Amino acid sequence: MSKKIAIIGGSGALGAGLAKRWAKAGHQVVVGSRDAGRAVEAAVRLNQEAGTSTITGAGNPEAAAASEIVVLTVPYANQMPTLEAIAAALDGKILVDVTVPLVPPKVRTVQVPEGGSCAKAAQDKLGAGVRVVSAFQNVAATHLDDLDHAIDCDVLVCGNDPAAREEIVQLAGDADMKAWHAGVIANSIVAEALTSTLIFMNARYKIDGAGIRMTGEPGSADPEATA
């Protein structure tokens, strides 16, 4: 079923990659920006790159209001100001927070934000009326933006609402990624902190976009041993 998805910060590589992949999968995507004109320009470019016509552009509040699912792909420093700008349009919706607490110039060092994690801070700010889900932090943005690049990285999905998590697990699949339920929103700190570690490993081992893979087969454990 086609979803209406707003990507706030959709002109960056990560947001642009998600926009193009979801548009190609048949979803309606609205790219949001603080500058509506810039968002419209980005939408034209992304449609050309994806070979689609369903990506549109709007100011951030308008993009959020027009969508069922809102995806936040802005830098850490812009997370809270952006949430304040779109909060009125989020009630009853799923907010996918992709924020990572990177603090330049020490982006290879894990930073634990106030509140325990970026996504938990968003949930605490927005309240129970918004179902915050954390995902996509550990996928290389340049790989997402390149539609010819197969995504060799699993996605951890955290959130307090299992049904909301499942929607994002399915959307990850639509964007050619494998996603896993990883528990409540507080668990997001694992994926958020892992990003700094992956940045370090990229530099240390000259890897083009280090990622993570889950091992093991679902259902393979002895039920009595895991009860």
Protein backbone atom coordinates (compact mmCIF):
# COMPACT_ATOMS: atom_id res chain seq x y z
CA MET A 1 0.00 0.00 0.00
CA SER A 2 1.35 3.41 -0.97
CA LYS A 3 2.27 5.68 1.95
CA LYS A 4 2.56 9.46 2.11
CA ILE A 5 6.03 10.10 3.53
CA ALA A 6 7.62 13.44 4.43
CA ILE A 7 11.40 13.56 4.61
CA ILE A 8 12.49 16.55 6.64
CA GLY A 9 16.02 17.34 5.51
CA GLY A 10 15.47 15.51 2.25
CA SER A 11 18.00 17.52 0.27
CA GLY A 12 20.93 15.80 2.06
CA ALA A 13 22.35 12.50 0.81
CA LEU A 14 20.62 10.31 3.40
CA GLY A 15 17.21 11.92 3.02
CA ALA A 16 17.57 12.08 -0.75
CA GLY A 17 18.45 8.39 -0.93
CA LEU A 18 15.42 7.39 1.11
CA ALA A 19 13.20 9.67 -0.98
CA LYS A 20 14.34 8.16 -4.27
CA ARG A 21 14.15 4.56 -3.09
CA TRP A 22 10.67 4.97 -1.60
CA ALA A 23 9.40 6.85 -4.65
CA LYS A 24 10.61 4.04 -6.90
CA ALA A 25 8.76 1.59 -4.63
CA GLY A 26 5.50 3.47 -5.28
CA HIS A 27 5.26 5.73 -2.22
CA GLN A 28 4.37 9.43 -2.37
CA VAL A 29 7.27 11.45 -0.97
CA VAL A 30 7.36 15.10 0.10
CA VAL A 31 10.82 16.58 0.59
CA GLY A 32 10.82 19.17 3.37
CA SER A 33 13.16 22.10 3.88
CA ARG A 34 13.20 25.33 5.87
CA ASP A 35 13.17 26.99 2.43
CA ALA A 36 10.17 25.77 0.41
CA GLY A 37 11.77 26.88 -2.86
CA ARG A 38 14.85 24.82 -2.13
CA ALA A 39 12.63 21.82 -1.36
CA VAL A 40 10.85 22.16 -4.71
CA GLU A 41 14.20 22.36 -6.52
CA ALA A 42 15.42 19.26 -4.66
CA ALA A 43 12.25 17.37 -5.60
CA VAL A 44 12.77 18.11 -9.30
CA ARG A 45 16.35 16.84 -9.10
CA LEU A 46 15.40 13.70 -7.17
CA ASN A 47 12.63 12.82 -9.63
CA GLN A 48 15.12 13.11 -12.47
CA GLU A 49 17.65 10.89 -10.67
CA ALA A 50 15.06 8.28 -9.68
CA GLY A 51 13.07 8.32 -12.92
CA THR A 52 9.90 9.16 -10.99
CA SER A 53 7.38 11.97 -10.85
CA THR A 54 5.87 11.51 -7.39
CA ILE A 55 8.42 13.40 -5.27
CA THR A 56 7.27 16.90 -4.34
CA GLY A 57 8.75 19.67 -2.20
CA ALA A 58 7.39 21.94 0.54
CA GLY A 59 8.37 23.81 3.66
CA ASN A 60 8.96 21.59 6.67
CA PRO A 61 5.63 22.21 8.47
CA GLU A 62 3.65 21.79 5.24
CA ALA A 63 5.51 18.60 4.33
CA ALA A 64 4.84 17.12 7.76
CA ALA A 65 1.17 18.09 7.65
CA ALA A 66 0.67 16.45 4.24
CA SER A 67 2.10 13.06 5.25
CA GLU A 68 1.25 9.96 7.28
CA ILE A 69 4.86 9.21 8.20
CA VAL A 70 7.49 11.88 8.86
CA VAL A 71 11.19 11.09 8.64
CA LEU A 72 13.66 13.44 10.34
CA THR A 73 17.09 13.44 8.64
CA VAL A 74 18.72 16.62 9.94
CA PRO A 75 22.02 17.15 11.80
CA TYR A 76 22.02 16.74 15.57
CA ALA A 77 22.28 20.49 16.17
CA ASN A 78 19.05 21.00 14.18
CA GLN A 79 17.01 18.18 15.70
CA MET A 80 15.16 20.03 18.44
CA PRO A 81 14.60 23.31 16.54
CA THR A 82 13.18 21.32 13.62
CA LEU A 83 10.91 19.27 15.88
CA GLU A 84 9.58 22.48 17.40
CA ALA A 85 8.77 23.77 13.91
CA ILE A 86 6.81 20.67 12.86
CA ALA A 87 5.42 19.42 16.20
CA ALA A 88 1.91 20.71 15.51
CA ALA A 89 1.68 18.48 12.43
CA LEU A 90 2.87 15.26 14.11
CA ASP A 91 0.02 14.29 16.41
CA GLY A 92 -1.16 10.74 15.74
CA LYS A 93 1.62 10.07 13.23
CA ILE A 94 4.83 8.05 13.12
CA LEU A 95 8.02 10.09 13.34
CA VAL A 96 11.12 8.25 12.18
CA ASP A 97 14.11 9.92 13.84
CA VAL A 98 17.43 9.24 12.08
CA THR A 99 19.35 11.75 14.23
CA VAL A 100 22.83 10.77 15.38
CA PRO A 101 24.59 12.71 18.19
CA LEU A 102 27.69 13.64 16.18
CA VAL A 103 29.56 16.60 17.62
CA PRO A 104 32.19 17.93 15.18
CA PRO A 105 35.09 17.74 15.07
CA LYS A 106 35.02 14.62 17.30
CA VAL A 107 32.63 12.61 15.13
CA ARG A 108 34.59 9.40 15.79
CA THR A 109 33.89 9.67 19.54
CA VAL A 110 30.57 8.48 20.96
CA GLN A 111 28.47 11.25 22.49
CA VAL A 112 25.54 10.34 24.75
CA PRO A 113 22.94 13.12 24.53
CA GLU A 114 20.87 14.39 27.41
CA GLY A 115 17.89 12.10 27.80
CA GLY A 116 19.80 8.95 26.86
CA SER A 117 19.43 9.06 23.08
CA CYS A 118 18.31 11.45 20.35
CA ALA A 119 15.20 9.42 19.56
CA LYS A 120 14.20 9.07 23.22
CA ALA A 121 14.63 12.83 23.65
CA ALA A 122 12.30 13.31 20.66
CA GLN A 123 9.71 10.94 22.16
CA ASP A 124 9.91 12.70 25.53
CA LYS A 125 9.47 16.09 23.86
CA LEU A 126 6.58 15.13 21.60
CA GLY A 127 4.67 12.95 24.05
CA ALA A 128 2.63 9.79 23.64
CA GLY A 129 0.52 11.26 20.83
CA VAL A 130 3.45 10.81 18.43
CA ARG A 131 4.89 7.34 17.81
CA VAL A 132 8.64 7.91 17.52
CA VAL A 133 10.68 5.22 15.79
CA SER A 134 14.46 5.21 15.45
CA ALA A 135 16.06 3.74 12.31
CA PHE A 136 18.60 4.06 9.46
CA GLN A 137 21.47 5.56 11.52
CA ASN A 138 24.06 2.99 10.44
CA VAL A 139 23.51 3.06 6.66
CA ALA A 140 26.05 5.03 4.63
CA ALA A 141 24.27 8.07 3.19
CA THR A 142 26.27 7.98 -0.05
CA HIS A 143 25.25 4.35 -0.59
CA LEU A 144 21.60 5.20 -0.05
CA ASP A 145 21.82 8.08 -2.51
CA ASP A 146 23.27 5.81 -5.22
CA LEU A 147 20.38 3.74 -6.55
CA ASP A 148 22.79 1.34 -8.24
CA HIS A 149 24.44 0.52 -4.90
CA ALA A 150 23.09 -2.53 -3.06
CA ILE A 151 22.74 -1.73 0.65
CA ASP A 152 24.97 -4.24 2.46
CA CYS A 153 23.87 -3.20 5.95
CA ASP A 154 21.05 -4.21 8.29
CA VAL A 155 18.84 -1.65 10.04
CA LEU A 156 17.95 -1.60 13.74
CA VAL A 157 14.43 -0.30 14.42
CA CYS A 158 13.56 0.92 17.93
CA GLY A 159 10.31 2.34 19.27
CA ASN A 160 7.78 1.93 22.05
CA ASP A 161 4.96 0.97 19.65
CA PRO A 162 5.53 -2.44 18.00
CA ALA A 163 3.03 -1.70 15.21
CA ALA A 164 4.85 1.52 14.34
CA ARG A 165 8.16 -0.33 14.34
CA GLU A 166 6.71 -2.93 11.98
CA GLU A 167 5.62 -0.23 9.52
CA ILE A 168 9.20 1.03 9.35
CA VAL A 169 10.59 -2.50 9.05
CA GLN A 170 8.36 -2.89 5.99
CA LEU A 171 9.41 0.50 4.58
CA ALA A 172 13.05 -0.47 5.00
CA GLY A 173 12.33 -3.50 2.87
CA ASP A 174 10.75 -1.27 0.23
CA ALA A 175 14.06 0.65 0.15
CA ASP A 176 16.03 -2.59 -0.37
CA MET A 177 17.21 -2.95 3.22
CA LYS A 178 16.70 -5.65 5.85
CA ALA A 179 15.47 -4.30 9.17
CA TRP A 180 15.08 -5.84 12.62
CA HIS A 181 12.94 -4.96 15.63
CA ALA A 182 15.43 -3.85 18.28
CA GLY A 183 13.19 -2.96 21.21
CA VAL A 184 11.93 0.18 22.90
CA ILE A 185 12.99 3.72 22.03
CA ALA A 186 15.62 3.81 24.80
CA ASN A 187 17.52 1.12 22.90
CA SER A 188 18.14 3.62 20.12
CA ILE A 189 21.31 4.69 21.90
CA VAL A 190 22.96 1.51 20.57
CA ALA A 191 22.43 2.41 16.89
CA GLU A 192 23.12 6.09 17.47
CA ALA A 193 26.41 5.47 19.29
CA LEU A 194 27.47 2.80 16.82
CA THR A 195 27.62 5.44 14.08
CA SER A 196 30.71 7.07 15.59
CA THR A 197 32.36 3.66 15.87
CA LEU A 198 31.63 2.93 12.20
CA ILE A 199 33.06 6.31 11.17
CA PHE A 200 36.25 5.43 13.06
CA MET A 201 36.41 2.00 11.39
CA ASN A 202 35.86 3.52 7.95
CA ALA A 203 38.94 5.68 8.49
CA ARG A 204 41.07 3.04 10.22
CA TYR A 205 40.44 0.26 7.71
CA LYS A 206 39.73 2.36 4.59
CA ILE A 207 36.22 0.91 4.29
CA ASP A 208 33.69 2.52 1.96
CA GLY A 209 30.72 2.65 4.32
CA ALA A 210 31.11 0.11 7.13
CA GLY A 211 27.80 -1.33 8.32
CA ILE A 212 26.36 -4.05 10.54
CA ARG A 213 24.90 -7.49 9.87
CA MET A 214 22.78 -9.57 12.25
CA THR A 215 23.85 -13.20 12.57
CA GLY A 216 21.62 -16.15 13.42
CA GLU A 217 18.32 -17.38 12.01
CA PRO A 218 15.00 -16.19 13.48
CA GLY A 219 13.25 -19.13 15.14
CA SER A 220 16.39 -21.24 15.38
CA ALA A 221 16.65 -21.18 19.19
CA ASP A 222 15.25 -23.91 21.44
CA PRO A 223 11.94 -22.46 22.74
CA GLU A 224 12.53 -23.97 26.19
CA ALA A 225 15.98 -22.39 26.40
CA THR A 226 14.63 -18.91 25.59
CA ALA A 227 11.38 -19.01 27.58
